Amino acid sequence: QVQLVESGGGLVQAGGSLSLSCAASGRSIITIITMGWYRQAPGKQRELVATVTNRGSTNYADSVKGRFTISKDNVRNTVTLQLNSLQPEDTAVYLCNAARFPHSYWGQGTQVTVSS
């Protein structure tokens, strides 16, 4: 099993920045290959925001490229998402994910609200 604890998030004005962090723990953590962030806005499906592998390969949704940056600390087993130039459409619950097929683990989520 893997436990994920998220921190960060909150309320910010459009154009502002936030940082989200996710700490992973558990006896299965050494098997994790990919960590990342997804988001879910009210009435919408959950969508990928960004992922990073344990080798440092990253993947971003087109909507966040150039604004968000994901990074991973393999020693501390944390993944951080830096959110810059935030827009109201970025408002959502952001969820941390850790995965190694076929296993996928989720955090509780943290709210990001961007006011116009």
PDB file of N, CA and C in Angstrom:
ATOM      1  N   GLN A   1       0.831  -1.195   0.000  1.00  0.00           N
ATOM      2  CA  GLN A   1       0.000   0.000   0.000  1.00  0.00           C
ATOM      3  C   GLN A   1       0.865   1.244   0.000  1.00  0.00           C
ATOM      4  N   VAL A   2       0.305   2.312  -0.549  1.00  0.00           N
ATOM      5  CA  VAL A   2       0.963   3.614  -0.577  1.00  0.00           C
ATOM      6  C   VAL A   2      -0.015   4.651  -0.056  1.00  0.00           C
ATOM      7  N   GLN A   3       0.457   5.491   0.847  1.00  0.00           N
ATOM      8  CA  GLN A   3      -0.364   6.596   1.350  1.00  0.00           C
ATOM      9  C   GLN A   3       0.181   7.904   0.782  1.00  0.00           C
ATOM     10  N   LEU A   4      -0.729   8.766   0.384  1.00  0.00           N
ATOM     11  CA  LEU A   4      -0.365  10.048  -0.205  1.00  0.00           C
ATOM     12  C   LEU A   4      -0.992  11.177   0.620  1.00  0.00           C
ATOM     13  N   VAL A   5      -0.183  12.135   1.006  1.00  0.00           N
ATOM     14  CA  VAL A   5      -0.671  13.274   1.777  1.00  0.00           C
ATOM     15  C   VAL A   5      -0.320  14.544   1.026  1.00  0.00           C
ATOM     16  N   GLU A   6      -1.341  15.292   0.661  1.00  0.00           N
ATOM     17  CA  GLU A   6      -1.148  16.519  -0.101  1.00  0.00           C
ATOM     18  C   GLU A   6      -1.133  17.731   0.827  1.00  0.00           C
ATOM     19  N   SER A   7      -0.442  18.765   0.386  1.00  0.00           N
ATOM     20  CA  SER A   7      -0.447  20.049   1.091  1.00  0.00           C
ATOM     21  C   SER A   7      -0.352  21.152   0.046  1.00  0.00           C
ATOM     22  N   GLY A   8      -0.718  22.345   0.487  1.00  0.00           N
ATOM     23  CA  GLY A   8      -0.742  23.474  -0.428  1.00  0.00           C
ATOM     24  C   GLY A   8      -2.155  23.740  -0.883  1.00  0.00           C
ATOM     25  N   GLY A   9      -2.297  24.456  -1.937  1.00  0.00           N
ATOM     26  CA  GLY A   9      -3.619  24.820  -2.402  1.00  0.00           C
ATOM     27  C   GLY A   9      -4.129  26.052  -1.688  1.00  0.00           C
ATOM     28  N   GLY A  10      -5.353  26.449  -2.041  1.00  0.00           N
ATOM     29  CA  GLY A  10      -5.946  27.611  -1.414  1.00  0.00           C
ATOM     30  C   GLY A  10      -6.598  28.527  -2.434  1.00  0.00           C
ATOM     31  N   LEU A  11      -6.775  29.773  -2.032  1.00  0.00           N
ATOM     32  CA  LEU A  11      -7.429  30.776  -2.862  1.00  0.00           C
ATOM     33  C   LEU A  11      -6.397  31.776  -3.363  1.00  0.00           C
ATOM     34  N   VAL A  12      -6.444  32.056  -4.662  1.00  0.00           N
ATOM     35  CA  VAL A  12      -5.492  32.994  -5.247  1.00  0.00           C
ATOM     36  C   VAL A  12      -6.191  33.776  -6.352  1.00  0.00           C
ATOM     37  N   GLN A  13      -5.732  34.982  -6.607  1.00  0.00           N
ATOM     38  CA  GLN A  13      -6.291  35.774  -7.697  1.00  0.00           C
ATOM     39  C   GLN A  13      -5.699  35.329  -9.032  1.00  0.00           C
ATOM     40  N   ALA A  14      -6.429  35.597 -10.101  1.00  0.00           N
ATOM     41  CA  ALA A  14      -5.950  35.261 -11.435  1.00  0.00           C
ATOM     42  C   ALA A  14      -4.582  35.901 -11.667  1.00  0.00           C
ATOM     43  N   GLY A  15      -3.697  35.111 -12.251  1.00  0.00           N
ATOM     44  CA  GLY A  15      -2.334  35.568 -12.474  1.00  0.00           C
ATOM     45  C   GLY A  15      -1.381  35.204 -11.360  1.00  0.00           C
ATOM     46  N   GLY A  16      -1.920  34.706 -10.266  1.00  0.00           N
ATOM     47  CA  GLY A  16      -1.109  34.365  -9.113  1.00  0.00           C
ATOM     48  C   GLY A  16      -0.502  32.979  -9.216  1.00  0.00           C
ATOM     49  N   SER A  17       0.166  32.586  -8.130  1.00  0.00           N
ATOM     50  CA  SER A  17       0.878  31.305  -8.101  1.00  0.00           C
ATOM     51  C   SER A  17       0.560  30.534  -6.825  1.00  0.00           C
ATOM     52  N   LEU A  18       0.672  29.230  -6.922  1.00  0.00           N
ATOM     53  CA  LEU A  18       0.538  28.340  -5.776  1.00  0.00           C
ATOM     54  C   LEU A  18       1.506  27.181  -5.958  1.00  0.00           C
ATOM     55  N   SER A  19       1.775  26.498  -4.855  1.00  0.00           N
ATOM     56  CA  SER A  19       2.604  25.303  -4.910  1.00  0.00           C
ATOM     57  C   SER A  19       1.895  24.181  -4.174  1.00  0.00           C
ATOM     58  N   LEU A  20       1.798  23.030  -4.813  1.00  0.00           N
ATOM     59  CA  LEU A  20       1.202  21.854  -4.198  1.00  0.00           C
ATOM     60  C   LEU A  20       2.297  20.819  -3.963  1.00  0.00           C
ATOM     61  N   SER A  21       2.208  20.139  -2.837  1.00  0.00           N
ATOM     62  CA  SER A  21       3.177  19.098  -2.522  1.00  0.00           C
ATOM     63  C   SER A  21       2.455  17.827  -2.109  1.00  0.00           C
ATOM     64  N   CYS A  22       3.046  16.694  -2.441  1.00  0.00           N
ATOM     65  CA  CYS A  22       2.469  15.401  -2.098  1.00  0.00           C
ATOM     66  C   CYS A  22       3.579  14.507  -1.570  1.00  0.00           C
ATOM     67  N   ALA A  23       3.367  13.992  -0.370  1.00  0.00           N
ATOM     68  CA  ALA A  23       4.343  13.091   0.243  1.00  0.00           C
ATOM     69  C   ALA A  23       3.810  11.668   0.216  1.00  0.00           C
ATOM     70  N   ALA A  24       4.623  10.752  -0.260  1.00  0.00           N
ATOM     71  CA  ALA A  24       4.227   9.357  -0.358  1.00  0.00           C
ATOM     72  C   ALA A  24       4.922   8.530   0.712  1.00  0.00           C
ATOM     73  N   SER A  25       4.199   7.568   1.256  1.00  0.00           N
ATOM     74  CA  SER A  25       4.770   6.657   2.239  1.00  0.00           C
ATOM     75  C   SER A  25       4.084   5.304   2.108  1.00  0.00           C
ATOM     76  N   GLY A  26       4.688   4.291   2.734  1.00  0.00           N
ATOM     77  CA  GLY A  26       4.097   2.957   2.681  1.00  0.00           C
ATOM     78  C   GLY A  26       5.079   1.924   2.172  1.00  0.00           C
ATOM     79  N   ARG A  27       4.790   0.679   2.453  1.00  0.00           N
ATOM     80  CA  ARG A  27       5.734  -0.384   2.150  1.00  0.00           C
ATOM     81  C   ARG A  27       5.852  -0.673   0.660  1.00  0.00           C
ATOM     82  N   SER A  28       4.881  -0.214  -0.133  1.00  0.00           N
ATOM     83  CA  SER A  28       4.934  -0.465  -1.568  1.00  0.00           C
ATOM     84  C   SER A  28       5.540   0.690  -2.342  1.00  0.00           C
ATOM     85  N   ILE A  29       6.061   1.664  -1.612  1.00  0.00           N
ATOM     86  CA  ILE A  29       6.495   2.880  -2.290  1.00  0.00           C
ATOM     87  C   ILE A  29       7.646   2.640  -3.253  1.00  0.00           C
ATOM     88  N   ILE A  30       8.466   1.625  -2.980  1.00  0.00           N
ATOM     89  CA  ILE A  30       9.622   1.392  -3.852  1.00  0.00           C
ATOM     90  C   ILE A  30       9.200   0.888  -5.220  1.00  0.00           C
ATOM     91  N   THR A  31       7.950   0.467  -5.342  1.00  0.00           N
ATOM     92  CA  THR A  31       7.486  -0.046  -6.625  1.00  0.00           C
ATOM     93  C   THR A  31       6.904   1.047  -7.512  1.00  0.00           C
ATOM     94  N   ILE A  32       6.738   2.237  -6.962  1.00  0.00           N
ATOM     95  CA  ILE A  32       6.086   3.313  -7.717  1.00  0.00           C
ATOM     96  C   ILE A  32       6.985   3.806  -8.842  1.00  0.00           C
ATOM     97  N   ILE A  33       6.416   3.925 -10.027  1.00  0.00           N
ATOM     98  CA  ILE A  33       7.155   4.420 -11.177  1.00  0.00           C
ATOM     99  C   ILE A  33       6.782   5.869 -11.494  1.00  0.00           C
ATOM    100  N   THR A  34       5.507   6.171 -11.427  1.00  0.00           N
ATOM    101  CA  THR A  34       5.024   7.482 -11.837  1.00  0.00           C
ATOM    102  C   THR A  34       4.235   8.139 -10.714  1.00  0.00           C
ATOM    103  N   MET A  35       4.500   9.415 -10.497  1.00  0.00           N
ATOM    104  CA  MET A  35       3.680  10.229  -9.606  1.00  0.00           C
ATOM    105  C   MET A  35       3.184  11.432 -10.381  1.00  0.00           C
ATOM    106  N   GLY A  36       2.065  11.936  -9.957  1.00  0.00           N
ATOM    107  CA  GLY A  36       1.544  13.078 -10.700  1.00  0.00           C
ATOM    108  C   GLY A  36       0.348  13.710 -10.040  1.00  0.00           C
ATOM    109  N   TRP A  37      -0.206  14.675 -10.746  1.00  0.00           N
ATOM    110  CA  TRP A  37      -1.365  15.417 -10.275  1.00  0.00           C
ATOM    111  C   TRP A  37      -2.476  15.360 -11.323  1.00  0.00           C
ATOM    112  N   TYR A  38      -3.670  15.171 -10.833  1.00  0.00           N
ATOM    113  CA  TYR A  38      -4.874  15.248 -11.631  1.00  0.00           C
ATOM    114  C   TYR A  38      -5.759  16.307 -10.982  1.00  0.00           C
ATOM    115  N   ARG A  39      -6.788  16.732 -11.708  1.00  0.00           N
ATOM    116  CA  ARG A  39      -7.727  17.684 -11.125  1.00  0.00           C
ATOM    117  C   ARG A  39      -9.151  17.364 -11.571  1.00  0.00           C
ATOM    118  N   GLN A  40     -10.075  17.773 -10.719  1.00  0.00           N
ATOM    119  CA  GLN A  40     -11.487  17.562 -11.029  1.00  0.00           C
ATOM    120  C   GLN A  40     -12.271  18.790 -10.608  1.00  0.00           C
ATOM    121  N   ALA A  41     -12.880  19.423 -11.581  1.00  0.00           N
ATOM    122  CA  ALA A  41     -13.724  20.582 -11.327  1.00  0.00           C
ATOM    123  C   ALA A  41     -15.168  20.108 -11.181  1.00  0.00           C
ATOM    124  N   PRO A  42     -16.002  20.883 -10.512  1.00  0.00           N
ATOM    125  CA  PRO A  42     -17.407  20.488 -10.324  1.00  0.00           C
ATOM    126  C   PRO A  42     -18.083  20.201 -11.658  1.00  0.00           C
ATOM    127  N   GLY A  43     -18.724  19.052 -11.739  1.00  0.00           N
ATOM    128  CA  GLY A  43     -19.455  18.690 -12.940  1.00  0.00           C
ATOM    129  C   GLY A  43     -18.609  18.228 -14.096  1.00  0.00           C
ATOM    130  N   LYS A  44     -17.304  18.098 -13.878  1.00  0.00           N
ATOM    131  CA  LYS A  44     -16.404  17.684 -14.949  1.00  0.00           C
ATOM    132  C   LYS A  44     -15.683  16.404 -14.579  1.00  0.00           C
ATOM    133  N   GLN A  45     -15.147  15.745 -15.595  1.00  0.00           N
ATOM    134  CA  GLN A  45     -14.382  14.532 -15.346  1.00  0.00           C
ATOM    135  C   GLN A  45     -12.999  14.863 -14.816  1.00  0.00           C
ATOM    136  N   ARG A  46     -12.442  13.914 -14.100  1.00  0.00           N
ATOM    137  CA  ARG A  46     -11.077  14.060 -13.628  1.00  0.00           C
ATOM    138  C   ARG A  46     -10.136  14.081 -14.828  1.00  0.00           C
ATOM    139  N   GLU A  47      -9.156  14.982 -14.796  1.00  0.00           N
ATOM    140  CA  GLU A  47      -8.236  15.093 -15.919  1.00  0.00           C
ATOM    141  C   GLU A  47      -6.796  15.159 -15.436  1.00  0.00           C
ATOM    142  N   LEU A  48      -5.913  14.665 -16.292  1.00  0.00           N
ATOM    143  CA  LEU A  48      -4.494  14.705 -15.980  1.00  0.00           C
ATOM    144  C   LEU A  48      -3.992  16.145 -16.037  1.00  0.00           C
ATOM    145  N   VAL A  49      -3.164  16.501 -15.066  1.00  0.00           N
ATOM    146  CA  VAL A  49      -2.495  17.801 -15.082  1.00  0.00           C
ATOM    147  C   VAL A  49      -1.030  17.607 -15.484  1.00  0.00           C
ATOM    148  N   ALA A  50      -0.325  16.783 -14.722  1.00  0.00           N
ATOM    149  CA  ALA A  50       1.085  16.541 -15.012  1.00  0.00           C
ATOM    150  C   ALA A  50       1.537  15.284 -14.301  1.00  0.00           C
ATOM    151  N   THR A  51       2.477  14.567 -14.906  1.00  0.00           N
ATOM    152  CA  THR A  51       3.070  13.394 -14.275  1.00  0.00           C
ATOM    153  C   THR A  51       4.582  13.438 -14.437  1.00  0.00           C
ATOM    154  N   VAL A  52       5.259  12.710 -13.555  1.00  0.00           N
ATOM    155  CA  VAL A  52       6.715  12.586 -13.629  1.00  0.00           C
ATOM    156  C   VAL A  52       7.087  11.166 -13.236  1.00  0.00           C
ATOM    157  N   THR A  53       8.003  10.568 -13.982  1.00  0.00           N
ATOM    158  CA  THR A  53       8.450   9.220 -13.650  1.00  0.00           C
ATOM    159  C   THR A  53       9.642   9.287 -12.710  1.00  0.00           C
ATOM    160  N   ASN A  54      10.021   8.131 -12.184  1.00  0.00           N
ATOM    161  CA  ASN A  54      11.165   8.116 -11.266  1.00  0.00           C
ATOM    162  C   ASN A  54      12.476   8.347 -12.004  1.00  0.00           C
ATOM    163  N   ARG A  55      12.431   8.391 -13.333  1.00  0.00           N
ATOM    164  CA  ARG A  55      13.607   8.767 -14.113  1.00  0.00           C
ATOM    165  C   ARG A  55      13.570  10.231 -14.531  1.00  0.00           C
ATOM    166  N   GLY A  56      12.505  10.949 -14.126  1.00  0.00           N
ATOM    167  CA  GLY A  56      12.436  12.371 -14.402  1.00  0.00           C
ATOM    168  C   GLY A  56      11.709  12.765 -15.666  1.00  0.00           C
ATOM    169  N   SER A  57      11.143  11.804 -16.378  1.00  0.00           N
ATOM    170  CA  SER A  57      10.372  12.139 -17.572  1.00  0.00           C
ATOM    171  C   SER A  57       9.038  12.757 -17.174  1.00  0.00           C
ATOM    172  N   THR A  58       8.705  13.871 -17.800  1.00  0.00           N
ATOM    173  CA  THR A  58       7.488  14.587 -17.436  1.00  0.00           C
ATOM    174  C   THR A  58       6.484  14.600 -18.588  1.00  0.00           C
ATOM    175  N   ASN A  59       5.232  14.779 -18.198  1.00  0.00           N
ATOM    176  CA  ASN A  59       4.141  14.863 -19.164  1.00  0.00           C
ATOM    177  C   ASN A  59       3.143  15.886 -18.635  1.00  0.00           C
ATOM    178  N   TYR A  60       2.696  16.798 -19.497  1.00  0.00           N
ATOM    179  CA  TYR A  60       1.781  17.860 -19.079  1.00  0.00           C
ATOM    180  C   TYR A  60       0.549  17.897 -19.975  1.00  0.00           C
ATOM    181  N   ALA A  61      -0.567  18.274 -19.387  1.00  0.00           N
ATOM    182  CA  ALA A  61      -1.742  18.592 -20.184  1.00  0.00           C
ATOM    183  C   ALA A  61      -1.447  19.854 -20.990  1.00  0.00           C
ATOM    184  N   ASP A  62      -1.992  19.912 -22.196  1.00  0.00           N
ATOM    185  CA  ASP A  62      -1.746  21.076 -23.049  1.00  0.00           C
ATOM    186  C   ASP A  62      -2.166  22.370 -22.367  1.00  0.00           C
ATOM    187  N   SER A  63      -3.223  22.299 -21.569  1.00  0.00           N
ATOM    188  CA  SER A  63      -3.775  23.500 -20.948  1.00  0.00           C
ATOM    189  C   SER A  63      -2.865  24.112 -19.889  1.00  0.00           C
ATOM    190  N   VAL A  64      -1.881  23.349 -19.418  1.00  0.00           N
ATOM    191  CA  VAL A  64      -1.010  23.864 -18.347  1.00  0.00           C
ATOM    192  C   VAL A  64       0.441  24.004 -18.778  1.00  0.00           C
ATOM    193  N   LYS A  65       0.760  23.561 -19.982  1.00  0.00           N
ATOM    194  CA  LYS A  65       2.143  23.655 -20.454  1.00  0.00           C
ATOM    195  C   LYS A  65       2.622  25.097 -20.432  1.00  0.00           C
ATOM    196  N   GLY A  66       3.818  25.298 -19.905  1.00  0.00           N
ATOM    197  CA  GLY A  66       4.385  26.633 -19.808  1.00  0.00           C
ATOM    198  C   GLY A  66       3.961  27.401 -18.571  1.00  0.00           C
ATOM    199  N   ARG A  67       2.970  26.876 -17.849  1.00  0.00           N
ATOM    200  CA  ARG A  67       2.507  27.555 -16.625  1.00  0.00           C
ATOM    201  C   ARG A  67       2.767  26.732 -15.378  1.00  0.00           C
ATOM    202  N   PHE A  68       2.647  25.427 -15.481  1.00  0.00           N
ATOM    203  CA  PHE A  68       2.831  24.532 -14.332  1.00  0.00           C
ATOM    204  C   PHE A  68       4.132  23.750 -14.508  1.00  0.00           C
ATOM    205  N   THR A  69       4.772  23.452 -13.387  1.00  0.00           N
ATOM    206  CA  THR A  69       5.987  22.655 -13.409  1.00  0.00           C
ATOM    207  C   THR A  69       5.905  21.581 -12.338  1.00  0.00           C
ATOM    208  N   ILE A  70       6.171  20.338 -12.742  1.00  0.00           N
ATOM    209  CA  ILE A  70       6.156  19.226 -11.798  1.00  0.00           C
ATOM    210  C   ILE A  70       7.590  18.776 -11.538  1.00  0.00           C
ATOM    211  N   SER A  71       7.852  18.413 -10.289  1.00  0.00           N
ATOM    212  CA  SER A  71       9.175  17.917  -9.940  1.00  0.00           C
ATOM    213  C   SER A  71       9.030  16.835  -8.876  1.00  0.00           C
ATOM    214  N   LYS A  72      10.022  15.948  -8.821  1.00  0.00           N
ATOM    215  CA  LYS A  72       9.955  14.806  -7.907  1.00  0.00           C
ATOM    216  C   LYS A  72      11.255  14.665  -7.154  1.00  0.00           C
ATOM    217  N   ASP A  73      11.155  14.435  -5.869  1.00  0.00           N
ATOM    218  CA  ASP A  73      12.306  14.169  -5.020  1.00  0.00           C
ATOM    219  C   ASP A  73      12.271  12.687  -4.679  1.00  0.00           C
ATOM    220  N   ASN A  74      13.157  11.913  -5.309  1.00  0.00           N
ATOM    221  CA  ASN A  74      13.136  10.466  -5.121  1.00  0.00           C
ATOM    222  C   ASN A  74      13.648  10.044  -3.744  1.00  0.00           C
ATOM    223  N   VAL A  75      14.381  10.912  -3.086  1.00  0.00           N
ATOM    224  CA  VAL A  75      14.884  10.588  -1.744  1.00  0.00           C
ATOM    225  C   VAL A  75      13.772  10.781  -0.714  1.00  0.00           C
ATOM    226  N   ARG A  76      13.069  11.901  -0.816  1.00  0.00           N
ATOM    227  CA  ARG A  76      11.998  12.201   0.141  1.00  0.00           C
ATOM    228  C   ARG A  76      10.651  11.645  -0.304  1.00  0.00           C
ATOM    229  N   ASN A  77      10.609  11.075  -1.507  1.00  0.00           N
ATOM    230  CA  ASN A  77       9.351  10.529  -2.051  1.00  0.00           C
ATOM    231  C   ASN A  77       8.253  11.578  -2.059  1.00  0.00           C
ATOM    232  N   THR A  78       8.590  12.742  -2.564  1.00  0.00           N
ATOM    233  CA  THR A  78       7.603  13.804  -2.693  1.00  0.00           C
ATOM    234  C   THR A  78       7.527  14.269  -4.148  1.00  0.00           C
ATOM    235  N   VAL A  79       6.370  14.776  -4.498  1.00  0.00           N
ATOM    236  CA  VAL A  79       6.196  15.381  -5.810  1.00  0.00           C
ATOM    237  C   VAL A  79       5.566  16.756  -5.603  1.00  0.00           C
ATOM    238  N   THR A  80       6.098  17.724  -6.301  1.00  0.00           N
ATOM    239  CA  THR A  80       5.651  19.107  -6.153  1.00  0.00           C
ATOM    240  C   THR A  80       5.135  19.630  -7.489  1.00  0.00           C
ATOM    241  N   LEU A  81       4.056  20.372  -7.431  1.00  0.00           N
ATOM    242  CA  LEU A  81       3.507  21.012  -8.619  1.00  0.00           C
ATOM    243  C   LEU A  81       3.498  22.513  -8.369  1.00  0.00           C
ATOM    244  N   GLN A  82       4.273  23.242  -9.151  1.00  0.00           N
ATOM    245  CA  GLN A  82       4.281  24.697  -9.087  1.00  0.00           C
ATOM    246  C   GLN A  82       3.298  25.223 -10.120  1.00  0.00           C
ATOM    247  N   LEU A  83       2.335  25.996  -9.658  1.00  0.00           N
ATOM    248  CA  LEU A  83       1.291  26.517 -10.530  1.00  0.00           C
ATOM    249  C   LEU A  83       1.481  28.027 -10.667  1.00  0.00           C
ATOM    250  N   ASN A  84       1.799  28.476 -11.858  1.00  0.00           N
ATOM    251  CA  ASN A  84       1.983  29.898 -12.133  1.00  0.00           C
ATOM    252  C   ASN A  84       0.932  30.384 -13.129  1.00  0.00           C
ATOM    253  N   SER A  85       0.749  31.680 -13.172  1.00  0.00           N
ATOM    254  CA  SER A  85      -0.202  32.298 -14.107  1.00  0.00           C
ATOM    255  C   SER A  85      -1.559  31.612 -14.029  1.00  0.00           C
ATOM    256  N   LEU A  86      -2.037  31.437 -12.822  1.00  0.00           N
ATOM    257  CA  LEU A  86      -3.295  30.723 -12.620  1.00  0.00           C
ATOM    258  C   LEU A  86      -4.477  31.500 -13.186  1.00  0.00           C
ATOM    259  N   GLN A  87      -5.411  30.747 -13.714  1.00  0.00           N
ATOM    260  CA  GLN A  87      -6.619  31.310 -14.308  1.00  0.00           C
ATOM    261  C   GLN A  87      -7.847  30.699 -13.635  1.00  0.00           C
ATOM    262  N   PRO A  88      -8.989  31.381 -13.696  1.00  0.00           N
ATOM    263  CA  PRO A  88     -10.200  30.832 -13.065  1.00  0.00           C
ATOM    264  C   PRO A  88     -10.527  29.413 -13.517  1.00  0.00           C
ATOM    265  N   GLU A  89     -10.208  29.070 -14.750  1.00  0.00           N
ATOM    266  CA  GLU A  89     -10.504  27.722 -15.242  1.00  0.00           C
ATOM    267  C   GLU A  89      -9.596  26.663 -14.627  1.00  0.00           C
ATOM    268  N   ASP A  90      -8.602  27.077 -13.868  1.00  0.00           N
ATOM    269  CA  ASP A  90      -7.756  26.127 -13.141  1.00  0.00           C
ATOM    270  C   ASP A  90      -8.388  25.721 -11.814  1.00  0.00           C
ATOM    271  N   THR A  91      -9.488  26.349 -11.443  1.00  0.00           N
ATOM    272  CA  THR A  91     -10.168  26.026 -10.199  1.00  0.00           C
ATOM    273  C   THR A  91     -10.642  24.577 -10.218  1.00  0.00           C
ATOM    274  N   ALA A  92     -10.236  23.821  -9.204  1.00  0.00           N
ATOM    275  CA  ALA A  92     -10.571  22.396  -9.134  1.00  0.00           C
ATOM    276  C   ALA A  92     -10.011  21.819  -7.840  1.00  0.00           C
ATOM    277  N   VAL A  93     -10.409  20.588  -7.570  1.00  0.00           N
ATOM    278  CA  VAL A  93      -9.727  19.800  -6.554  1.00  0.00           C
ATOM    279  C   VAL A  93      -8.559  19.093  -7.246  1.00  0.00           C
ATOM    280  N   TYR A  94      -7.377  19.272  -6.705  1.00  0.00           N
ATOM    281  CA  TYR A  94      -6.177  18.670  -7.272  1.00  0.00           C
ATOM    282  C   TYR A  94      -5.821  17.426  -6.451  1.00  0.00           C
ATOM    283  N   LEU A  95      -5.649  16.319  -7.151  1.00  0.00           N
ATOM    284  CA  LEU A  95      -5.403  15.040  -6.492  1.00  0.00           C
ATOM    285  C   LEU A  95      -4.044  14.485  -6.892  1.00  0.00           C
ATOM    286  N   CYS A  96      -3.326  14.029  -5.904  1.00  0.00           N
ATOM    287  CA  CYS A  96      -2.024  13.399  -6.129  1.00  0.00           C
ATOM    288  C   CYS A  96      -2.241  11.920  -6.472  1.00  0.00           C
ATOM    289  N   ASN A  97      -1.420  11.420  -7.376  1.00  0.00           N
ATOM    290  CA  ASN A  97      -1.512  10.024  -7.791  1.00  0.00           C
ATOM    291  C   ASN A  97      -0.129   9.395  -7.823  1.00  0.00           C
ATOM    292  N   ALA A  98      -0.064   8.145  -7.411  1.00  0.00           N
ATOM    293  CA  ALA A  98       1.163   7.355  -7.526  1.00  0.00           C
ATOM    294  C   ALA A  98       0.795   6.028  -8.180  1.00  0.00           C
ATOM    295  N   ALA A  99       1.586   5.606  -9.149  1.00  0.00           N
ATOM    296  CA  ALA A  99       1.160   4.444  -9.922  1.00  0.00           C
ATOM    297  C   ALA A  99       2.309   3.579 -10.384  1.00  0.00           C
ATOM    298  N   ARG A 100       2.002   2.296 -10.432  1.00  0.00           N
ATOM    299  CA  ARG A 100       2.785   1.305 -11.154  1.00  0.00           C
ATOM    300  C   ARG A 100       1.778   0.258 -11.587  1.00  0.00           C
ATOM    301  N   PHE A 101       1.581   0.171 -12.893  1.00  0.00           N
ATOM    302  CA  PHE A 101       0.529  -0.708 -13.412  1.00  0.00           C
ATOM    303  C   PHE A 101       0.619  -2.087 -12.782  1.00  0.00           C
ATOM    304  N   PRO A 102      -0.504  -2.660 -12.324  1.00  0.00           N
ATOM    305  CA  PRO A 102      -1.876  -2.151 -12.420  1.00  0.00           C
ATOM    306  C   PRO A 102      -2.348  -1.372 -11.198  1.00  0.00           C
ATOM    307  N   HIS A 103      -1.415  -0.997 -10.327  1.00  0.00           N
ATOM    308  CA  HIS A 103      -1.800  -0.332  -9.085  1.00  0.00           C
ATOM    309  C   HIS A 103      -1.774   1.181  -9.251  1.00  0.00           C
ATOM    310  N   SER A 104      -2.760   1.831  -8.650  1.00  0.00           N
ATOM    311  CA  SER A 104      -2.862   3.282  -8.676  1.00  0.00           C
ATOM    312  C   SER A 104      -3.400   3.750  -7.343  1.00  0.00           C
ATOM    313  N   TYR A 105      -2.721   4.720  -6.762  1.00  0.00           N
ATOM    314  CA  TYR A 105      -3.088   5.220  -5.439  1.00  0.00           C
ATOM    315  C   TYR A 105      -3.417   6.710  -5.546  1.00  0.00           C
ATOM    316  N   TRP A 106      -4.361   7.153  -4.710  1.00  0.00           N
ATOM    317  CA  TRP A 106      -4.825   8.533  -4.751  1.00  0.00           C
ATOM    318  C   TRP A 106      -4.763   9.178  -3.390  1.00  0.00           C
ATOM    319  N   GLY A 107      -4.466  10.475  -3.378  1.00  0.00           N
ATOM    320  CA  GLY A 107      -4.585  11.264  -2.176  1.00  0.00           C
ATOM    321  C   GLY A 107      -6.006  11.762  -2.018  1.00  0.00           C
ATOM    322  N   GLN A 108      -6.241  12.501  -0.934  1.00  0.00           N
ATOM    323  CA  GLN A 108      -7.582  13.005  -0.635  1.00  0.00           C
ATOM    324  C   GLN A 108      -7.960  14.204  -1.502  1.00  0.00           C
ATOM    325  N   GLY A 109      -6.961  14.902  -1.984  1.00  0.00           N
ATOM    326  CA  GLY A 109      -7.233  16.077  -2.809  1.00  0.00           C
ATOM    327  C   GLY A 109      -7.086  17.365  -2.029  1.00  0.00           C
ATOM    328  N   THR A 110      -6.723  18.420  -2.745  1.00  0.00           N
ATOM    329  CA  THR A 110      -6.614  19.744  -2.149  1.00  0.00           C
ATOM    330  C   THR A 110      -7.251  20.751  -3.097  1.00  0.00           C
ATOM    331  N   GLN A 111      -7.997  21.688  -2.527  1.00  0.00           N
ATOM    332  CA  GLN A 111      -8.761  22.633  -3.336  1.00  0.00           C
ATOM    333  C   GLN A 111      -7.879  23.790  -3.809  1.00  0.00           C
ATOM    334  N   VAL A 112      -7.973  24.088  -5.086  1.00  0.00           N
ATOM    335  CA  VAL A 112      -7.363  25.287  -5.654  1.00  0.00           C
ATOM    336  C   VAL A 112      -8.488  26.137  -6.238  1.00  0.00           C
ATOM    337  N   THR A 113      -8.596  27.365  -5.770  1.00  0.00           N
ATOM    338  CA  THR A 113      -9.624  28.272  -6.245  1.00  0.00           C
ATOM    339  C   THR A 113      -8.965  29.538  -6.765  1.00  0.00           C
ATOM    340  N   VAL A 114      -9.268  29.887  -8.013  1.00  0.00           N
ATOM    341  CA  VAL A 114      -8.691  31.072  -8.630  1.00  0.00           C
ATOM    342  C   VAL A 114      -9.814  32.060  -8.904  1.00  0.00           C
ATOM    343  N   SER A 115      -9.716  33.226  -8.299  1.00  0.00           N
ATOM    344  CA  SER A 115     -10.739  34.252  -8.485  1.00  0.00           C
ATOM    345  C   SER A 115     -10.350  35.191  -9.622  1.00  0.00           C
ATOM    346  N   SER A 116     -11.356  35.683 -10.310  1.00  0.00           N
ATOM    347  CA  SER A 116     -11.087  36.573 -11.454  1.00  0.00           C
ATOM    348  C   SER A 116     -11.016  38.030 -11.026  1.00  0.00           C
TER     349      SER A 116
END
